[in-house]
PDB file of all heavy atoms in Angstrom:
ATOM      1  N   GLU A   1     154.457 140.595  23.575  1.00  0.00           N
ATOM      2  CA  GLU A   1     153.695 140.499  22.320  1.00  0.00           C
ATOM      3  C   GLU A   1     152.943 139.177  22.204  1.00  0.00           C
ATOM      4  O   GLU A   1     152.524 138.782  21.116  1.00  0.00           O
ATOM      5  CB  GLU A   1     154.637 140.660  21.120  1.00  0.00           C
ATOM      6  CG  GLU A   1     155.401 141.960  21.083  1.00  0.00           C
ATOM      7  CD  GLU A   1     154.519 143.184  20.844  1.00  0.00           C
ATOM      8  OE1 GLU A   1     153.277 143.074  20.959  1.00  0.00           O
ATOM      9  OE2 GLU A   1     155.073 144.250  20.533  1.00  0.00           O
ATOM     10  N   TRP A   2     152.737 138.483  23.330  1.00  0.00           N
ATOM     11  CA  TRP A   2     152.056 137.186  23.284  1.00  0.00           C
ATOM     12  C   TRP A   2     150.699 137.274  22.610  1.00  0.00           C
ATOM     13  O   TRP A   2     150.238 136.324  21.970  1.00  0.00           O
ATOM     14  CB  TRP A   2     151.892 136.608  24.699  1.00  0.00           C
ATOM     15  CG  TRP A   2     150.977 137.400  25.601  1.00  0.00           C
ATOM     16  CD1 TRP A   2     151.349 138.340  26.510  1.00  0.00           C
ATOM     17  CD2 TRP A   2     149.543 137.338  25.670  1.00  0.00           C
ATOM     18  NE1 TRP A   2     150.248 138.867  27.148  1.00  0.00           N
ATOM     19  CE2 TRP A   2     149.122 138.268  26.657  1.00  0.00           C
ATOM     20  CE3 TRP A   2     148.576 136.579  25.012  1.00  0.00           C
ATOM     21  CZ2 TRP A   2     147.784 138.463  26.977  1.00  0.00           C
ATOM     22  CZ3 TRP A   2     147.233 136.779  25.331  1.00  0.00           C
ATOM     23  CH2 TRP A   2     146.846 137.705  26.300  1.00  0.00           C
ATOM     24  N   ARG A   3     150.052 138.440  22.720  1.00  0.00           N
ATOM     25  CA  ARG A   3     148.677 138.557  22.239  1.00  0.00           C
ATOM     26  C   ARG A   3     148.582 138.348  20.724  1.00  0.00           C
ATOM     27  O   ARG A   3     147.754 137.574  20.253  1.00  0.00           O
ATOM     28  CB  ARG A   3     148.084 139.915  22.632  1.00  0.00           C
ATOM     29  CG  ARG A   3     146.583 139.993  22.443  1.00  0.00           C
ATOM     30  CD  ARG A   3     146.085 141.380  22.817  1.00  0.00           C
ATOM     31  NE  ARG A   3     146.294 141.687  24.216  1.00  0.00           N
ATOM     32  CZ  ARG A   3     145.443 141.378  25.189  1.00  0.00           C
ATOM     33  NH1 ARG A   3     144.318 140.739  24.900  1.00  0.00           N
ATOM     34  NH2 ARG A   3     145.691 141.698  26.438  1.00  0.00           N
ATOM     35  N   PHE A   4     149.434 139.029  19.938  1.00  0.00           N
ATOM     36  CA  PHE A   4     149.293 138.816  18.497  1.00  0.00           C
ATOM     37  C   PHE A   4     149.807 137.432  18.085  1.00  0.00           C
ATOM     38  O   PHE A   4     149.293 136.840  17.147  1.00  0.00           O
ATOM     39  CB  PHE A   4     149.878 139.953  17.654  1.00  0.00           C
ATOM     40  CG  PHE A   4     151.370 140.140  17.602  1.00  0.00           C
ATOM     41  CD1 PHE A   4     152.214 139.167  17.091  1.00  0.00           C
ATOM     42  CD2 PHE A   4     151.929 141.347  17.997  1.00  0.00           C
ATOM     43  CE1 PHE A   4     153.577 139.376  16.998  1.00  0.00           C
ATOM     44  CE2 PHE A   4     153.299 141.568  17.903  1.00  0.00           C
ATOM     45  CZ  PHE A   4     154.130 140.564  17.413  1.00  0.00           C
ATOM     46  N   HIS A   5     150.801 136.907  18.810  1.00  0.00           N
ATOM     47  CA  HIS A   5     151.220 135.528  18.526  1.00  0.00           C
ATOM     48  C   HIS A   5     150.045 134.565  18.723  1.00  0.00           C
ATOM     49  O   HIS A   5     149.754 133.727  17.864  1.00  0.00           O
ATOM     50  CB  HIS A   5     152.370 135.131  19.446  1.00  0.00           C
ATOM     51  CG  HIS A   5     153.704 135.691  19.079  1.00  0.00           C
ATOM     52  ND1 HIS A   5     154.612 135.019  18.296  1.00  0.00           N
ATOM     53  CD2 HIS A   5     154.290 136.876  19.399  1.00  0.00           C
ATOM     54  CE1 HIS A   5     155.704 135.751  18.144  1.00  0.00           C
ATOM     55  NE2 HIS A   5     155.531 136.888  18.812  1.00  0.00           N
ATOM     56  N   LEU A   6     149.386 134.703  19.862  1.00  0.00           N
ATOM     57  CA  LEU A   6     148.287 133.800  20.193  1.00  0.00           C
ATOM     58  C   LEU A   6     147.101 133.991  19.253  1.00  0.00           C
ATOM     59  O   LEU A   6     146.501 133.013  18.770  1.00  0.00           O
ATOM     60  CB  LEU A   6     147.852 134.019  21.641  1.00  0.00           C
ATOM     61  CG  LEU A   6     146.796 133.051  22.191  1.00  0.00           C
ATOM     62  CD1 LEU A   6     147.289 131.613  22.147  1.00  0.00           C
ATOM     63  CD2 LEU A   6     146.411 133.435  23.623  1.00  0.00           C
ATOM     64  N   ASP A   7     146.762 135.225  18.962  1.00  0.00           N
ATOM     65  CA  ASP A   7     145.622 135.493  18.087  1.00  0.00           C
ATOM     66  C   ASP A   7     145.869 134.988  16.672  1.00  0.00           C
ATOM     67  O   ASP A   7     144.944 134.501  16.010  1.00  0.00           O
ATOM     68  CB  ASP A   7     145.294 136.985  18.077  1.00  0.00           C
ATOM     69  CG  ASP A   7     144.682 137.462  19.389  1.00  0.00           C
ATOM     70  OD1 ASP A   7     144.298 136.605  20.210  1.00  0.00           O
ATOM     71  OD2 ASP A   7     144.587 138.688  19.595  1.00  0.00           O
ATOM     72  N   ILE A   8     147.109 135.098  16.202  1.00  0.00           N
ATOM     73  CA  ILE A   8     147.424 134.539  14.884  1.00  0.00           C
ATOM     74  C   ILE A   8     147.297 133.028  14.905  1.00  0.00           C
ATOM     75  O   ILE A   8     146.713 132.423  13.997  1.00  0.00           O
ATOM     76  CB  ILE A   8     148.848 134.965  14.443  1.00  0.00           C
ATOM     77  CG1 ILE A   8     148.903 136.475  14.172  1.00  0.00           C
ATOM     78  CG2 ILE A   8     149.277 134.196  13.186  1.00  0.00           C
ATOM     79  CD1 ILE A   8     150.314 137.014  13.999  1.00  0.00           C
ATOM     80  N   MET A   9     147.817 132.394  15.946  1.00  0.00           N
ATOM     81  CA  MET A   9     147.702 130.931  16.064  1.00  0.00           C
ATOM     82  C   MET A   9     146.237 130.493  16.102  1.00  0.00           C
ATOM     83  O   MET A   9     145.865 129.488  15.488  1.00  0.00           O
ATOM     84  CB  MET A   9     148.407 130.450  17.330  1.00  0.00           C
ATOM     85  CG  MET A   9     149.912 130.588  17.311  1.00  0.00           C
ATOM     86  SD  MET A   9     150.714 129.176  16.551  1.00  0.00           S
ATOM     87  CE  MET A   9     152.439 129.573  16.835  1.00  0.00           C
ATOM     88  N   LYS A  10     145.410 131.247  16.814  1.00  0.00           N
ATOM     89  CA  LYS A  10     144.001 130.898  16.930  1.00  0.00           C
ATOM     90  C   LYS A  10     143.275 131.073  15.593  1.00  0.00           C
ATOM     91  O   LYS A  10     142.440 130.260  15.209  1.00  0.00           O
ATOM     92  CB  LYS A  10     143.321 131.758  18.006  1.00  0.00           C
ATOM     93  CG  LYS A  10     143.713 131.393  19.432  1.00  0.00           C
ATOM     94  CD  LYS A  10     143.206 132.417  20.435  1.00  0.00           C
ATOM     95  CE  LYS A  10     141.705 132.364  20.625  1.00  0.00           C
ATOM     96  NZ  LYS A  10     141.254 131.136  21.299  1.00  0.00           N
ATOM     97  N   ALA A  11     143.589 132.154  14.883  1.00  0.00           N
ATOM     98  CA  ALA A  11     142.883 132.477  13.642  1.00  0.00           C
ATOM     99  C   ALA A  11     143.410 131.719  12.441  1.00  0.00           C
ATOM    100  O   ALA A  11     142.687 131.527  11.458  1.00  0.00           O
ATOM    101  CB  ALA A  11     142.969 133.978  13.374  1.00  0.00           C
ATOM    102  N   ARG A  12     144.668 131.269  12.517  1.00  0.00           N
ATOM    103  CA  ARG A  12     145.324 130.668  11.360  1.00  0.00           C
ATOM    104  C   ARG A  12     145.870 129.281  11.726  1.00  0.00           C
ATOM    105  O   ARG A  12     147.039 129.140  12.099  1.00  0.00           O
ATOM    106  CB  ARG A  12     146.460 131.578  10.880  1.00  0.00           C
ATOM    107  CG  ARG A  12     146.029 132.966  10.395  1.00  0.00           C
ATOM    108  CD  ARG A  12     145.583 132.934   8.954  1.00  0.00           C
ATOM    109  NE  ARG A  12     146.698 132.596   8.083  1.00  0.00           N
ATOM    110  CZ  ARG A  12     147.540 133.498   7.548  1.00  0.00           C
ATOM    111  NH1 ARG A  12     147.369 134.794   7.785  1.00  0.00           N
ATOM    112  NH2 ARG A  12     148.520 133.110   6.770  1.00  0.00           N
ATOM    113  N   PRO A  13     145.057 128.237  11.613  1.00  0.00           N
ATOM    114  CA  PRO A  13     145.537 126.908  11.958  1.00  0.00           C
ATOM    115  C   PRO A  13     146.684 126.430  11.080  1.00  0.00           C
ATOM    116  O   PRO A  13     147.389 125.470  11.416  1.00  0.00           O
ATOM    117  CB  PRO A  13     144.309 126.011  11.768  1.00  0.00           C
ATOM    118  CG  PRO A  13     143.195 126.861  11.324  1.00  0.00           C
ATOM    119  CD  PRO A  13     143.638 128.279  11.270  1.00  0.00           C
ATOM    120  N   ASP A  14     146.903 127.097   9.943  1.00  0.00           N
ATOM    121  CA  ASP A  14     148.009 126.747   9.050  1.00  0.00           C
ATOM    122  C   ASP A  14     149.348 127.231   9.586  1.00  0.00           C
ATOM    123  O   ASP A  14     150.404 126.811   9.113  1.00  0.00           O
ATOM    124  CB  ASP A  14     147.781 127.363   7.662  1.00  0.00           C
ATOM    125  CG  ASP A  14     147.621 128.884   7.699  1.00  0.00           C
ATOM    126  OD1 ASP A  14     146.740 129.366   8.448  1.00  0.00           O
ATOM    127  OD2 ASP A  14     148.363 129.587   6.991  1.00  0.00           O
ATOM    128  N   VAL A  15     149.323 128.125  10.569  1.00  0.00           N
ATOM    129  CA  VAL A  15     150.556 128.717  11.104  1.00  0.00           C
ATOM    130  C   VAL A  15     151.091 127.863  12.251  1.00  0.00           C
ATOM    131  O   VAL A  15     150.403 127.625  13.236  1.00  0.00           O
ATOM    132  CB  VAL A  15     150.314 130.163  11.583  1.00  0.00           C
ATOM    133  CG1 VAL A  15     151.523 130.695  12.348  1.00  0.00           C
ATOM    134  CG2 VAL A  15     150.002 131.066  10.394  1.00  0.00           C
ATOM    135  N   GLY A  16     152.344 127.429  12.097  1.00  0.00           N
ATOM    136  CA  GLY A  16     152.994 126.644  13.143  1.00  0.00           C
ATOM    137  C   GLY A  16     154.130 127.375  13.824  1.00  0.00           C
ATOM    138  O   GLY A  16     154.613 126.943  14.871  1.00  0.00           O
ATOM    139  N   GLY A  17     154.563 128.494  13.213  1.00  0.00           N
ATOM    140  CA  GLY A  17     155.647 129.270  13.795  1.00  0.00           C
ATOM    141  C   GLY A  17     155.503 130.738  13.434  1.00  0.00           C
ATOM    142  O   GLY A  17     155.023 131.071  12.349  1.00  0.00           O
ATOM    143  N   ILE A  18     155.909 131.608  14.353  1.00  0.00           N
ATOM    144  CA  ILE A  18     155.822 133.060  14.146  1.00  0.00           C
ATOM    145  C   ILE A  18     157.128 133.696  14.603  1.00  0.00           C
ATOM    146  O   ILE A  18     157.627 133.394  15.693  1.00  0.00           O
ATOM    147  CB  ILE A  18     154.645 133.675  14.923  1.00  0.00           C
ATOM    148  CG1 ILE A  18     153.315 133.063  14.469  1.00  0.00           C
ATOM    149  CG2 ILE A  18     154.613 135.197  14.760  1.00  0.00           C
ATOM    150  CD1 ILE A  18     152.131 133.415  15.351  1.00  0.00           C
ATOM    151  N   VAL A  19     157.661 134.580  13.760  1.00  0.00           N
ATOM    152  CA  VAL A  19     158.886 135.316  14.088  1.00  0.00           C
ATOM    153  C   VAL A  19     158.565 136.806  14.023  1.00  0.00           C
ATOM    154  O   VAL A  19     158.060 137.299  13.013  1.00  0.00           O
ATOM    155  CB  VAL A  19     160.017 134.972  13.101  1.00  0.00           C
ATOM    156  CG1 VAL A  19     161.239 135.854  13.360  1.00  0.00           C
ATOM    157  CG2 VAL A  19     160.385 133.499  13.203  1.00  0.00           C
ATOM    158  N   HIS A  20     158.854 137.510  15.098  1.00  0.00           N
ATOM    159  CA  HIS A  20     158.692 138.969  15.143  1.00  0.00           C
ATOM    160  C   HIS A  20     160.050 139.579  15.423  1.00  0.00           C
ATOM    161  O   HIS A  20     160.731 139.193  16.387  1.00  0.00           O
ATOM    162  CB  HIS A  20     157.711 139.367  16.236  1.00  0.00           C
ATOM    163  CG  HIS A  20     157.729 140.832  16.560  1.00  0.00           C
ATOM    164  ND1 HIS A  20     157.522 141.817  15.621  1.00  0.00           N
ATOM    165  CD2 HIS A  20     157.959 141.489  17.734  1.00  0.00           C
ATOM    166  CE1 HIS A  20     157.602 143.008  16.189  1.00  0.00           C
ATOM    167  NE2 HIS A  20     157.875 142.835  17.475  1.00  0.00           N
ATOM    168  N   THR A  21     160.487 140.506  14.548  1.00  0.00           N
ATOM    169  CA  THR A  21     161.768 141.172  14.760  1.00  0.00           C
ATOM    170  C   THR A  21     161.631 142.666  14.516  1.00  0.00           C
ATOM    171  O   THR A  21     160.644 143.131  13.948  1.00  0.00           O
ATOM    172  CB  THR A  21     162.870 140.639  13.816  1.00  0.00           C
ATOM    173  OG1 THR A  21     162.731 141.242  12.525  1.00  0.00           O
ATOM    174  CG2 THR A  21     162.816 139.125  13.675  1.00  0.00           C
ATOM    175  N   HIS A  22     162.671 143.382  14.934  1.00  0.00           N
ATOM    176  CA  HIS A  22     162.812 144.798  14.623  1.00  0.00           C
ATOM    177  C   HIS A  22     163.946 144.962  13.612  1.00  0.00           C
ATOM    178  O   HIS A  22     164.788 145.850  13.738  1.00  0.00           O
ATOM    179  CB  HIS A  22     163.091 145.611  15.889  1.00  0.00           C
ATOM    180  CG  HIS A  22     161.957 145.625  16.859  1.00  0.00           C
ATOM    181  ND1 HIS A  22     162.002 146.340  18.043  1.00  0.00           N
ATOM    182  CD2 HIS A  22     160.744 145.022  16.851  1.00  0.00           C
ATOM    183  CE1 HIS A  22     160.866 146.164  18.720  1.00  0.00           C
ATOM    184  NE2 HIS A  22     160.091 145.363  18.010  1.00  0.00           N
ATOM    185  N   SER A  23     163.989 144.085  12.624  1.00  0.00           N
ATOM    186  CA  SER A  23     165.046 144.115  11.615  1.00  0.00           C
ATOM    187  C   SER A  23     165.076 145.475  10.925  1.00  0.00           C
ATOM    188  O   SER A  23     164.043 146.098  10.682  1.00  0.00           O
ATOM    189  CB  SER A  23     164.846 142.995  10.603  1.00  0.00           C
ATOM    190  OG  SER A  23     163.548 143.026  10.065  1.00  0.00           O
ATOM    191  N   THR A  24     166.268 145.933  10.583  1.00  0.00           N
ATOM    192  CA  THR A  24     166.487 147.338  10.229  1.00  0.00           C
ATOM    193  C   THR A  24     165.651 147.829   9.052  1.00  0.00           C
ATOM    194  O   THR A  24     164.916 148.819   9.167  1.00  0.00           O
ATOM    195  CB  THR A  24     167.975 147.593   9.957  1.00  0.00           C
ATOM    196  OG1 THR A  24     168.716 147.284  11.140  1.00  0.00           O
ATOM    197  CG2 THR A  24     168.214 149.059   9.578  1.00  0.00           C
ATOM    198  N   TYR A  25     165.752 147.171   7.904  1.00  0.00           N
ATOM    199  CA  TYR A  25     165.104 147.711   6.710  1.00  0.00           C
ATOM    200  C   TYR A  25     163.590 147.527   6.754  1.00  0.00           C
ATOM    201  O   TYR A  25     162.840 148.408   6.313  1.00  0.00           O
ATOM    202  CB  TYR A  25     165.712 147.105   5.445  1.00  0.00           C
ATOM    203  CG  TYR A  25     167.085 147.665   5.163  1.00  0.00           C
ATOM    204  CD1 TYR A  25     168.223 147.038   5.671  1.00  0.00           C
ATOM    205  CD2 TYR A  25     167.239 148.838   4.438  1.00  0.00           C
ATOM    206  CE1 TYR A  25     169.485 147.569   5.443  1.00  0.00           C
ATOM    207  CE2 TYR A  25     168.509 149.379   4.205  1.00  0.00           C
ATOM    208  CZ  TYR A  25     169.623 148.734   4.710  1.00  0.00           C
ATOM    209  OH  TYR A  25     170.869 149.270   4.486  1.00  0.00           O
ATOM    210  N   SER A  26     163.128 146.411   7.291  1.00  0.00           N
ATOM    211  CA  SER A  26     161.684 146.235   7.465  1.00  0.00           C
ATOM    212  C   SER A  26     161.130 147.313   8.393  1.00  0.00           C
ATOM    213  O   SER A  26     160.054 147.873   8.155  1.00  0.00           O
ATOM    214  CB  SER A  26     161.379 144.847   8.035  1.00  0.00           C
ATOM    215  OG  SER A  26     161.717 143.836   7.125  1.00  0.00           O
ATOM    216  N   THR A  27     161.886 147.625   9.438  1.00  0.00           N
ATOM    217  CA  THR A  27     161.427 148.627  10.399  1.00  0.00           C
ATOM    218  C   THR A  27     161.500 150.032   9.817  1.00  0.00           C
ATOM    219  O   THR A  27     160.630 150.872  10.096  1.00  0.00           O
ATOM    220  CB  THR A  27     162.240 148.524  11.707  1.00  0.00           C
ATOM    221  OG1 THR A  27     162.116 147.191  12.225  1.00  0.00           O
ATOM    222  CG2 THR A  27     161.736 149.500  12.746  1.00  0.00           C
ATOM    223  N   VAL A  28     162.517 150.305   8.998  1.00  0.00           N
ATOM    224  CA  VAL A  28     162.591 151.608   8.323  1.00  0.00           C
ATOM    225  C   VAL A  28     161.327 151.838   7.494  1.00  0.00           C
ATOM    226  O   VAL A  28     160.702 152.906   7.552  1.00  0.00           O
ATOM    227  CB  VAL A  28     163.843 151.692   7.429  1.00  0.00           C
ATOM    228  CG1 VAL A  28     163.743 152.860   6.453  1.00  0.00           C
ATOM    229  CG2 VAL A  28     165.100 151.842   8.281  1.00  0.00           C
ATOM    230  N   LEU A  29     160.938 150.834   6.707  1.00  0.00           N
ATOM    231  CA  LEU A  29     159.732 150.974   5.886  1.00  0.00           C
ATOM    232  C   LEU A  29     158.492 151.073   6.770  1.00  0.00           C
ATOM    233  O   LEU A  29     157.549 151.821   6.458  1.00  0.00           O
ATOM    234  CB  LEU A  29     159.611 149.797   4.923  1.00  0.00           C
ATOM    235  CG  LEU A  29     160.713 149.697   3.867  1.00  0.00           C
ATOM    236  CD1 LEU A  29     160.511 148.451   3.000  1.00  0.00           C
ATOM    237  CD2 LEU A  29     160.760 150.943   2.988  1.00  0.00           C
TER     238      LEU A  29
END
């Protein structure tokens, strides 16, 4: 998933950290 991490970093200079998970309830929705 490097691509969306990198694209977010490039587009959003305010972003210093990104967390991507398959957490249960977020994924259910």
